[in-house]
Amino acid sequence: MAAGKRKSTNVIIFVLLSILTVIFMVPMALVLINSFKSRLYISVAPFAFPNEETFVGLKNYITGLTSSGFLWAFLRSLFITVASVILIVVCTAMISWYIVRVKNKFTKGLYYAFAFSMVVPFQMVMFTMTYIVGLLHLNNVVGIVYVYLGFGAGLSAFMFTGFLKSVPLEIEEAATIDGCNPLQCFFRVVFPIMKPTAITVAILNAMWIWNDYLLPYLVLGSSNKTVPVAIQLAMQGAYGSTDMGGFMAMLVLAIIPIIIFYVICQKYIIQGVIAGAVKG
């Protein structure tokens, strides 16, 4: 009886997950299909597959690449994403280690400050942030990396501290006895143990930063466009018209890198999330 009930439950779960998979995949499939259709037929028949009349091959991709400055925007987004993720992972891992191992009122307050930052909507601080960024001259490709560090530190530190609470202190004490100083102990002993959580933090932040539109638009403007900003601005024509063909093609090219990164690192996601949440 129990085996039959368990089997029924597994079937229901499988069906629900299959439905969710279809729901999430349909929008991406529509973007891919419409990227090979002429702009007229995208509006008239968005759900239809390309045929001899509507298929335009790689024309939309060529149009998007040549008209949007996509290559420079891609390289700019790549630099911002990679630099921001590295900075977030290293800095928040180190501060989390400090919070967990040094127990006093300051570290406790610091932990709650990181936790509180996760519930503050970006819209509440974006105008003040834009003003301060201008005063500090951070409104450039390098400066926005530090802005992302500030906004990404909350969730990252929360996950790292949750994981580090399960790491035995004896491991670090043994490394210290063997002659490691604090930095050597962290990078040679502690940080390798944090690999699953570090990869999870890297994936979550990379997906957010790569796809982010509002923060780069506010900080960098239209002079240093990232991929989302370039796609939005370049495909706008006269009188508010939009080249939907080029728009869809650029969306496909923007999605591909983050999907590849996610597929490569996906096996660490659940492991890292669970490790960082169990004792958080």
C-alpha atoms as a PDB file:
ATOM      1  CA  MET A   1       0.000   0.000   0.000  1.00  0.00           C
ATOM      2  CA  ALA A   2       2.788   2.365   0.963  1.00  0.00           C
ATOM      3  CA  ALA A   3       4.721   1.543  -2.215  1.00  0.00           C
ATOM      4  CA  GLY A   4       1.659   2.264  -4.378  1.00  0.00           C
ATOM      5  CA  LYS A   5       1.073   5.585  -2.606  1.00  0.00           C
ATOM      6  CA  ARG A   6       4.712   6.539  -3.067  1.00  0.00           C
ATOM      7  CA  LYS A   7       4.515   5.667  -6.759  1.00  0.00           C
ATOM      8  CA  SER A   8       1.394   7.797  -7.207  1.00  0.00           C
ATOM      9  CA  THR A   9       3.114  10.703  -5.459  1.00  0.00           C
ATOM     10  CA  ASN A  10       6.146  10.389  -7.738  1.00  0.00           C
ATOM     11  CA  VAL A  11       3.891  10.387 -10.806  1.00  0.00           C
ATOM     12  CA  ILE A  12       2.111  13.542  -9.622  1.00  0.00           C
ATOM     13  CA  ILE A  13       5.418  15.269  -8.906  1.00  0.00           C
ATOM     14  CA  PHE A  14       6.743  14.255 -12.332  1.00  0.00           C
ATOM     15  CA  VAL A  15       3.641  15.619 -14.064  1.00  0.00           C
ATOM     16  CA  LEU A  16       3.791  18.906 -12.152  1.00  0.00           C
ATOM     17  CA  LEU A  17       7.505  19.348 -12.877  1.00  0.00           C
ATOM     18  CA  SER A  18       6.898  18.563 -16.549  1.00  0.00           C
ATOM     19  CA  ILE A  19       4.176  21.206 -16.707  1.00  0.00           C
ATOM     20  CA  LEU A  20       6.462  23.750 -15.026  1.00  0.00           C
ATOM     21  CA  THR A  21       9.251  22.878 -17.469  1.00  0.00           C
ATOM     22  CA  VAL A  22       6.954  23.507 -20.425  1.00  0.00           C
ATOM     23  CA  ILE A  23       5.764  26.799 -18.916  1.00  0.00           C
ATOM     24  CA  PHE A  24       9.344  28.020 -18.496  1.00  0.00           C
ATOM     25  CA  MET A  25      10.524  26.736 -21.887  1.00  0.00           C
ATOM     26  CA  VAL A  26       7.689  28.142 -24.020  1.00  0.00           C
ATOM     27  CA  PRO A  27       8.804  31.819 -23.822  1.00  0.00           C
ATOM     28  CA  MET A  28      12.392  30.918 -24.771  1.00  0.00           C
ATOM     29  CA  ALA A  29      11.148  28.716 -27.625  1.00  0.00           C
ATOM     30  CA  LEU A  30       8.983  31.582 -28.930  1.00  0.00           C
ATOM     31  CA  VAL A  31      11.952  33.969 -28.844  1.00  0.00           C
ATOM     32  CA  LEU A  32      14.079  31.465 -30.789  1.00  0.00           C
ATOM     33  CA  ILE A  33      11.359  30.765 -33.379  1.00  0.00           C
ATOM     34  CA  ASN A  34      10.577  34.439 -33.969  1.00  0.00           C
ATOM     35  CA  SER A  35      14.252  35.334 -34.342  1.00  0.00           C
ATOM     36  CA  PHE A  36      14.149  33.645 -37.780  1.00  0.00           C
ATOM     37  CA  LYS A  37      10.949  35.354 -38.975  1.00  0.00           C
ATOM     38  CA  SER A  38      10.421  38.703 -40.664  1.00  0.00           C
ATOM     39  CA  ARG A  39       9.270  41.535 -38.401  1.00  0.00           C
ATOM     40  CA  LEU A  40       5.832  41.703 -40.050  1.00  0.00           C
ATOM     41  CA  TYR A  41       4.974  38.075 -39.372  1.00  0.00           C
ATOM     42  CA  ILE A  42       6.254  38.243 -35.796  1.00  0.00           C
ATOM     43  CA  SER A  43       3.407  40.620 -34.998  1.00  0.00           C
ATOM     44  CA  VAL A  44       0.811  38.863 -37.147  1.00  0.00           C
ATOM     45  CA  ALA A  45       1.585  35.232 -36.219  1.00  0.00           C
ATOM     46  CA  PRO A  46       3.934  35.127 -33.197  1.00  0.00           C
ATOM     47  CA  PHE A  47       3.146  31.481 -32.375  1.00  0.00           C
ATOM     48  CA  ALA A  48       3.566  30.079 -35.882  1.00  0.00           C
ATOM     49  CA  PHE A  49       6.708  28.269 -37.029  1.00  0.00           C
ATOM     50  CA  PRO A  50       8.746  29.897 -39.843  1.00  0.00           C
ATOM     51  CA  ASN A  51       7.853  28.766 -43.358  1.00  0.00           C
ATOM     52  CA  GLU A  52       9.072  29.603 -46.845  1.00  0.00           C
ATOM     53  CA  GLU A  53       7.260  32.929 -46.747  1.00  0.00           C
ATOM     54  CA  THR A  54       8.253  34.081 -43.267  1.00  0.00           C
ATOM     55  CA  PHE A  55      11.743  32.562 -42.863  1.00  0.00           C
ATOM     56  CA  VAL A  56      14.559  35.128 -43.214  1.00  0.00           C
ATOM     57  CA  GLY A  57      17.523  33.014 -42.073  1.00  0.00           C
ATOM     58  CA  LEU A  58      20.235  34.924 -40.231  1.00  0.00           C
ATOM     59  CA  LYS A  59      19.127  38.328 -41.486  1.00  0.00           C
ATOM     60  CA  ASN A  60      17.759  39.373 -38.078  1.00  0.00           C
ATOM     61  CA  TYR A  61      21.010  38.372 -36.374  1.00  0.00           C
ATOM     62  CA  ILE A  62      23.094  40.339 -38.871  1.00  0.00           C
ATOM     63  CA  THR A  63      20.812  43.368 -38.518  1.00  0.00           C
ATOM     64  CA  GLY A  64      20.968  43.257 -34.743  1.00  0.00           C
ATOM     65  CA  LEU A  65      24.731  42.825 -34.605  1.00  0.00           C
ATOM     66  CA  THR A  66      25.442  45.659 -37.018  1.00  0.00           C
ATOM     67  CA  SER A  67      22.935  48.164 -35.665  1.00  0.00           C
ATOM     68  CA  SER A  68      23.189  47.737 -31.913  1.00  0.00           C
ATOM     69  CA  GLY A  69      26.929  47.754 -31.270  1.00  0.00           C
ATOM     70  CA  PHE A  70      26.257  44.370 -29.755  1.00  0.00           C
ATOM     71  CA  LEU A  71      29.884  43.178 -29.787  1.00  0.00           C
ATOM     72  CA  TRP A  72      31.151  46.056 -27.638  1.00  0.00           C
ATOM     73  CA  ALA A  73      28.124  45.777 -25.365  1.00  0.00           C
ATOM     74  CA  PHE A  74      28.781  42.033 -25.052  1.00  0.00           C
ATOM     75  CA  LEU A  75      32.436  42.582 -24.067  1.00  0.00           C
ATOM     76  CA  ARG A  76      31.408  45.315 -21.637  1.00  0.00           C
ATOM     77  CA  SER A  77      28.789  43.091 -20.014  1.00  0.00           C
ATOM     78  CA  LEU A  78      31.253  40.208 -19.874  1.00  0.00           C
ATOM     79  CA  PHE A  79      33.839  42.306 -18.039  1.00  0.00           C
ATOM     80  CA  ILE A  80      31.296  43.741 -15.603  1.00  0.00           C
ATOM     81  CA  THR A  81      29.767  40.342 -14.873  1.00  0.00           C
ATOM     82  CA  VAL A  82      33.054  38.460 -14.407  1.00  0.00           C
ATOM     83  CA  ALA A  83      34.698  41.194 -12.329  1.00  0.00           C
ATOM     84  CA  SER A  84      31.610  41.709 -10.165  1.00  0.00           C
ATOM     85  CA  VAL A  85      31.111  38.003  -9.523  1.00  0.00           C
ATOM     86  CA  ILE A  86      34.765  37.466  -8.558  1.00  0.00           C
ATOM     87  CA  LEU A  87      34.677  40.463  -6.226  1.00  0.00           C
ATOM     88  CA  ILE A  88      31.374  39.424  -4.637  1.00  0.00           C
ATOM     89  CA  VAL A  89      32.451  35.814  -4.086  1.00  0.00           C
ATOM     90  CA  VAL A  90      35.877  36.613  -2.605  1.00  0.00           C
ATOM     91  CA  CYS A  91      34.855  39.587  -0.458  1.00  0.00           C
ATOM     92  CA  THR A  92      31.642  38.109   0.942  1.00  0.00           C
ATOM     93  CA  ALA A  93      33.328  34.764   1.606  1.00  0.00           C
ATOM     94  CA  MET A  94      36.021  36.503   3.657  1.00  0.00           C
ATOM     95  CA  ILE A  95      33.616  38.719   5.615  1.00  0.00           C
ATOM     96  CA  SER A  96      31.356  35.734   6.267  1.00  0.00           C
ATOM     97  CA  TRP A  97      34.302  33.783   7.659  1.00  0.00           C
ATOM     98  CA  TYR A  98      35.056  36.734   9.939  1.00  0.00           C
ATOM     99  CA  ILE A  99      31.413  36.952  11.082  1.00  0.00           C
ATOM    100  CA  VAL A 100      31.227  33.243  11.922  1.00  0.00           C
ATOM    101  CA  ARG A 101      34.596  32.907  13.664  1.00  0.00           C
ATOM    102  CA  VAL A 102      34.701  36.230  15.540  1.00  0.00           C
ATOM    103  CA  LYS A 103      31.645  36.293  17.761  1.00  0.00           C
ATOM    104  CA  ASN A 104      30.905  39.740  19.202  1.00  0.00           C
ATOM    105  CA  LYS A 105      28.264  42.463  18.949  1.00  0.00           C
ATOM    106  CA  PHE A 106      29.897  44.016  15.900  1.00  0.00           C
ATOM    107  CA  THR A 107      29.862  40.828  13.816  1.00  0.00           C
ATOM    108  CA  LYS A 108      26.319  40.049  14.968  1.00  0.00           C
ATOM    109  CA  GLY A 109      25.179  43.502  13.865  1.00  0.00           C
ATOM    110  CA  LEU A 110      27.065  43.077  10.599  1.00  0.00           C
ATOM    111  CA  TYR A 111      25.275  39.790   9.930  1.00  0.00           C
ATOM    112  CA  TYR A 112      21.857  41.340  10.539  1.00  0.00           C
ATOM    113  CA  ALA A 113      22.785  44.292   8.316  1.00  0.00           C
ATOM    114  CA  PHE A 114      23.524  41.888   5.448  1.00  0.00           C
ATOM    115  CA  ALA A 115      20.266  40.040   6.113  1.00  0.00           C
ATOM    116  CA  PHE A 116      18.290  43.287   6.232  1.00  0.00           C
ATOM    117  CA  SER A 117      19.767  44.478   2.934  1.00  0.00           C
ATOM    118  CA  MET A 118      18.060  41.571   1.154  1.00  0.00           C
ATOM    119  CA  VAL A 119      14.579  42.891   1.954  1.00  0.00           C
ATOM    120  CA  VAL A 120      15.173  46.494   0.871  1.00  0.00           C
ATOM    121  CA  PRO A 121      13.755  47.029  -2.659  1.00  0.00           C
ATOM    122  CA  PHE A 122      16.174  48.545  -5.147  1.00  0.00           C
ATOM    123  CA  GLN A 123      13.580  51.157  -6.127  1.00  0.00           C
ATOM    124  CA  MET A 124      13.770  52.663  -2.629  1.00  0.00           C
ATOM    125  CA  VAL A 125      17.451  53.528  -2.946  1.00  0.00           C
ATOM    126  CA  MET A 126      18.056  53.921  -6.674  1.00  0.00           C
ATOM    127  CA  PHE A 127      17.820  57.735  -6.809  1.00  0.00           C
ATOM    128  CA  THR A 128      20.045  58.218  -3.767  1.00  0.00           C
ATOM    129  CA  MET A 129      22.404  55.578  -5.121  1.00  0.00           C
ATOM    130  CA  THR A 130      22.649  57.340  -8.495  1.00  0.00           C
ATOM    131  CA  TYR A 131      23.529  60.627  -6.778  1.00  0.00           C
ATOM    132  CA  ILE A 132      26.199  59.056  -4.542  1.00  0.00           C
ATOM    133  CA  VAL A 133      27.668  57.078  -7.451  1.00  0.00           C
ATOM    134  CA  GLY A 134      28.084  60.359  -9.336  1.00  0.00           C
ATOM    135  CA  LEU A 135      29.788  62.029  -6.381  1.00  0.00           C
ATOM    136  CA  LEU A 136      32.222  59.115  -6.023  1.00  0.00           C
ATOM    137  CA  HIS A 137      32.870  58.985  -9.800  1.00  0.00           C
ATOM    138  CA  LEU A 138      31.774  55.361  -9.991  1.00  0.00           C
ATOM    139  CA  ASN A 139      29.571  55.937 -13.033  1.00  0.00           C
ATOM    140  CA  ASN A 140      31.876  54.009 -15.348  1.00  0.00           C
ATOM    141  CA  VAL A 141      32.530  50.401 -16.340  1.00  0.00           C
ATOM    142  CA  VAL A 142      34.975  49.822 -13.461  1.00  0.00           C
ATOM    143  CA  GLY A 143      32.991  51.744 -10.852  1.00  0.00           C
ATOM    144  CA  ILE A 144      29.759  49.820 -11.411  1.00  0.00           C
ATOM    145  CA  VAL A 145      31.591  46.651 -10.298  1.00  0.00           C
ATOM    146  CA  TYR A 146      31.797  48.093  -6.775  1.00  0.00           C
ATOM    147  CA  VAL A 147      28.128  49.090  -6.939  1.00  0.00           C
ATOM    148  CA  TYR A 148      27.224  45.487  -7.768  1.00  0.00           C
ATOM    149  CA  LEU A 149      29.371  44.344  -4.838  1.00  0.00           C
ATOM    150  CA  GLY A 150      27.233  46.450  -2.517  1.00  0.00           C
ATOM    151  CA  PHE A 151      23.928  45.157  -3.856  1.00  0.00           C
ATOM    152  CA  GLY A 152      25.043  41.535  -4.144  1.00  0.00           C
ATOM    153  CA  ALA A 153      26.706  41.246  -0.736  1.00  0.00           C
ATOM    154  CA  GLY A 154      23.532  40.616   1.288  1.00  0.00           C
ATOM    155  CA  LEU A 155      22.374  37.294  -0.147  1.00  0.00           C
ATOM    156  CA  SER A 156      25.935  36.096  -0.766  1.00  0.00           C
ATOM    157  CA  ALA A 157      27.072  36.739   2.810  1.00  0.00           C
ATOM    158  CA  PHE A 158      23.899  35.124   4.148  1.00  0.00           C
ATOM    159  CA  MET A 159      24.584  31.937   2.179  1.00  0.00           C
ATOM    160  CA  PHE A 160      28.269  31.811   3.078  1.00  0.00           C
ATOM    161  CA  THR A 161      27.674  32.314   6.798  1.00  0.00           C
ATOM    162  CA  GLY A 162      25.059  29.571   6.792  1.00  0.00           C
ATOM    163  CA  PHE A 163      27.531  27.154   5.237  1.00  0.00           C
ATOM    164  CA  LEU A 164      30.500  28.145   7.437  1.00  0.00           C
ATOM    165  CA  LYS A 165      28.539  27.400  10.608  1.00  0.00           C
ATOM    166  CA  SER A 166      28.713  23.734   9.627  1.00  0.00           C
ATOM    167  CA  VAL A 167      32.493  23.752   9.042  1.00  0.00           C
ATOM    168  CA  PRO A 168      34.392  22.378  12.098  1.00  0.00           C
ATOM    169  CA  LEU A 169      36.743  24.855  13.726  1.00  0.00           C
ATOM    170  CA  GLU A 170      39.261  22.063  14.325  1.00  0.00           C
ATOM    171  CA  ILE A 171      40.184  22.085  10.606  1.00  0.00           C
ATOM    172  CA  GLU A 172      41.351  25.681  10.843  1.00  0.00           C
ATOM    173  CA  GLU A 173      43.107  25.088  14.142  1.00  0.00           C
ATOM    174  CA  ALA A 174      45.079  22.243  12.565  1.00  0.00           C
ATOM    175  CA  ALA A 175      46.079  24.496   9.666  1.00  0.00           C
ATOM    176  CA  THR A 176      47.206  27.183  12.118  1.00  0.00           C
ATOM    177  CA  ILE A 177      49.328  24.664  14.035  1.00  0.00           C
ATOM    178  CA  ASP A 178      50.940  23.667  10.720  1.00  0.00           C
ATOM    179  CA  GLY A 179      52.068  27.262  10.250  1.00  0.00           C
ATOM    180  CA  CYS A 180      49.315  28.897   8.183  1.00  0.00           C
ATOM    181  CA  ASN A 181      48.594  32.567   8.787  1.00  0.00           C
ATOM    182  CA  PRO A 182      44.940  33.737   8.585  1.00  0.00           C
ATOM    183  CA  LEU A 183      45.055  34.446   4.832  1.00  0.00           C
ATOM    184  CA  GLN A 184      46.708  31.128   4.053  1.00  0.00           C
ATOM    185  CA  CYS A 185      44.216  29.335   6.294  1.00  0.00           C
ATOM    186  CA  PHE A 186      41.315  30.939   4.449  1.00  0.00           C
ATOM    187  CA  PHE A 187      42.484  30.469   0.865  1.00  0.00           C
ATOM    188  CA  ARG A 188      44.152  27.061   1.289  1.00  0.00           C
ATOM    189  CA  VAL A 189      41.743  25.400   3.731  1.00  0.00           C
ATOM    190  CA  VAL A 190      38.430  27.231   4.191  1.00  0.00           C
ATOM    191  CA  PHE A 191      37.716  28.544   0.700  1.00  0.00           C
ATOM    192  CA  PRO A 192      38.151  25.142  -1.049  1.00  0.00           C
ATOM    193  CA  ILE A 193      35.642  23.665   1.396  1.00  0.00           C
ATOM    194  CA  MET A 194      33.204  26.444   0.429  1.00  0.00           C
ATOM    195  CA  LYS A 195      33.351  25.520  -3.265  1.00  0.00           C
ATOM    196  CA  PRO A 196      29.696  24.375  -3.675  1.00  0.00           C
ATOM    197  CA  THR A 197      28.318  27.514  -2.025  1.00  0.00           C
ATOM    198  CA  ALA A 198      30.816  29.726  -3.876  1.00  0.00           C
ATOM    199  CA  ILE A 199      29.697  28.322  -7.228  1.00  0.00           C
ATOM    200  CA  THR A 200      26.043  28.771  -6.285  1.00  0.00           C
ATOM    201  CA  VAL A 201      26.689  32.379  -5.283  1.00  0.00           C
ATOM    202  CA  ALA A 202      28.590  32.920  -8.536  1.00  0.00           C
ATOM    203  CA  ILE A 203      25.738  31.503 -10.645  1.00  0.00           C
ATOM    204  CA  LEU A 204      23.013  33.512  -8.912  1.00  0.00           C
ATOM    205  CA  ASN A 205      24.966  36.762  -9.168  1.00  0.00           C
ATOM    206  CA  ALA A 206      26.097  36.121 -12.750  1.00  0.00           C
ATOM    207  CA  MET A 207      22.513  35.559 -13.904  1.00  0.00           C
ATOM    208  CA  TRP A 208      21.370  38.712 -12.127  1.00  0.00           C
ATOM    209  CA  ILE A 209      24.204  40.979 -13.288  1.00  0.00           C
ATOM    210  CA  TRP A 210      24.233  39.745 -16.898  1.00  0.00           C
ATOM    211  CA  ASN A 211      20.482  40.288 -17.300  1.00  0.00           C
ATOM    212  CA  ASP A 212      20.257  43.492 -15.275  1.00  0.00           C
ATOM    213  CA  TYR A 213      18.895  46.480 -17.162  1.00  0.00           C
ATOM    214  CA  LEU A 214      17.980  49.167 -14.634  1.00  0.00           C
ATOM    215  CA  LEU A 215      21.243  49.553 -12.697  1.00  0.00           C
ATOM    216  CA  PRO A 216      23.537  49.850 -15.767  1.00  0.00           C
ATOM    217  CA  TYR A 217      21.065  52.235 -17.372  1.00  0.00           C
ATOM    218  CA  LEU A 218      21.047  54.481 -14.288  1.00  0.00           C
ATOM    219  CA  VAL A 219      24.787  54.321 -13.625  1.00  0.00           C
ATOM    220  CA  LEU A 220      26.318  54.085 -17.109  1.00  0.00           C
ATOM    221  CA  GLY A 221      23.583  55.633 -19.248  1.00  0.00           C
ATOM    222  CA  SER A 222      23.666  55.164 -23.006  1.00  0.00           C
ATOM    223  CA  SER A 223      27.384  55.935 -23.394  1.00  0.00           C
ATOM    224  CA  ASN A 224      28.580  52.587 -22.013  1.00  0.00           C
ATOM    225  CA  LYS A 225      25.761  50.234 -22.929  1.00  0.00           C
ATOM    226  CA  THR A 226      25.559  46.719 -21.571  1.00  0.00           C
ATOM    227  CA  VAL A 227      23.772  43.969 -23.528  1.00  0.00           C
ATOM    228  CA  PRO A 228      20.235  44.589 -22.143  1.00  0.00           C
ATOM    229  CA  VAL A 229      20.556  48.352 -22.630  1.00  0.00           C
ATOM    230  CA  ALA A 230      22.004  47.951 -26.128  1.00  0.00           C
ATOM    231  CA  ILE A 231      19.170  45.652 -27.181  1.00  0.00           C
ATOM    232  CA  GLN A 232      16.525  48.002 -25.811  1.00  0.00           C
ATOM    233  CA  LEU A 233      17.924  51.186 -27.381  1.00  0.00           C
ATOM    234  CA  ALA A 234      19.232  49.895 -30.717  1.00  0.00           C
ATOM    235  CA  MET A 235      16.030  48.218 -31.910  1.00  0.00           C
ATOM    236  CA  GLN A 236      13.891  51.327 -31.417  1.00  0.00           C
ATOM    237  CA  GLY A 237      12.971  52.967 -34.709  1.00  0.00           C
ATOM    238  CA  ALA A 238      11.144  56.130 -35.670  1.00  0.00           C
ATOM    239  CA  TYR A 239       7.797  56.957 -34.015  1.00  0.00           C
ATOM    240  CA  GLY A 240       8.350  54.273 -31.377  1.00  0.00           C
ATOM    241  CA  SER A 241       8.477  51.358 -33.823  1.00  0.00           C
ATOM    242  CA  THR A 242      10.546  48.323 -32.871  1.00  0.00           C
ATOM    243  CA  ASP A 243      12.441  45.927 -35.104  1.00  0.00           C
ATOM    244  CA  MET A 244      11.085  42.799 -33.457  1.00  0.00           C
ATOM    245  CA  GLY A 245      13.172  40.499 -35.656  1.00  0.00           C
ATOM    246  CA  GLY A 246      16.467  42.031 -34.576  1.00  0.00           C
ATOM    247  CA  PHE A 247      15.133  42.323 -31.043  1.00  0.00           C
ATOM    248  CA  MET A 248      14.418  38.577 -30.847  1.00  0.00           C
ATOM    249  CA  ALA A 249      17.773  37.688 -32.410  1.00  0.00           C
ATOM    250  CA  MET A 250      19.659  39.794 -29.865  1.00  0.00           C
ATOM    251  CA  LEU A 251      17.694  38.224 -27.035  1.00  0.00           C
ATOM    252  CA  VAL A 252      18.806  34.779 -28.220  1.00  0.00           C
ATOM    253  CA  LEU A 253      22.460  35.863 -28.311  1.00  0.00           C
ATOM    254  CA  ALA A 254      22.116  37.413 -24.842  1.00  0.00           C
ATOM    255  CA  ILE A 255      20.563  34.260 -23.370  1.00  0.00           C
ATOM    256  CA  ILE A 256      23.102  31.762 -24.761  1.00  0.00           C
ATOM    257  CA  PRO A 257      26.157  32.674 -22.559  1.00  0.00           C
ATOM    258  CA  ILE A 258      24.269  32.533 -19.273  1.00  0.00           C
ATOM    259  CA  ILE A 259      22.595  29.237 -20.228  1.00  0.00           C
ATOM    260  CA  ILE A 260      26.003  27.700 -21.021  1.00  0.00           C
ATOM    261  CA  PHE A 261      27.388  28.933 -17.693  1.00  0.00           C
ATOM    262  CA  TYR A 262      24.342  27.590 -15.844  1.00  0.00           C
ATOM    263  CA  VAL A 263      24.494  24.161 -17.505  1.00  0.00           C
ATOM    264  CA  ILE A 264      28.187  23.778 -16.667  1.00  0.00           C
ATOM    265  CA  CYS A 265      27.686  24.635 -12.995  1.00  0.00           C
ATOM    266  CA  GLN A 266      24.128  23.436 -12.329  1.00  0.00           C
ATOM    267  CA  LYS A 267      25.136  20.334 -10.333  1.00  0.00           C
ATOM    268  CA  TYR A 268      26.433  22.582  -7.555  1.00  0.00           C
ATOM    269  CA  ILE A 269      23.324  24.743  -7.210  1.00  0.00           C
ATOM    270  CA  ILE A 270      21.079  22.585  -5.012  1.00  0.00           C
ATOM    271  CA  GLN A 271      24.039  21.380  -2.961  1.00  0.00           C
ATOM    272  CA  GLY A 272      25.208  24.934  -2.355  1.00  0.00           C
ATOM    273  CA  VAL A 273      21.761  26.344  -1.560  1.00  0.00           C
ATOM    274  CA  ILE A 274      21.033  23.582   0.958  1.00  0.00           C
ATOM    275  CA  ALA A 275      24.474  23.931   2.558  1.00  0.00           C
ATOM    276  CA  GLY A 276      24.026  27.676   2.914  1.00  0.00           C
ATOM    277  CA  ALA A 277      20.479  27.529   4.266  1.00  0.00           C
ATOM    278  CA  VAL A 278      20.504  24.648   6.743  1.00  0.00           C
ATOM    279  CA  LYS A 279      22.142  26.624   9.536  1.00  0.00           C
ATOM    280  CA  GLY A 280      21.557  30.151   8.226  1.00  0.00           C
END
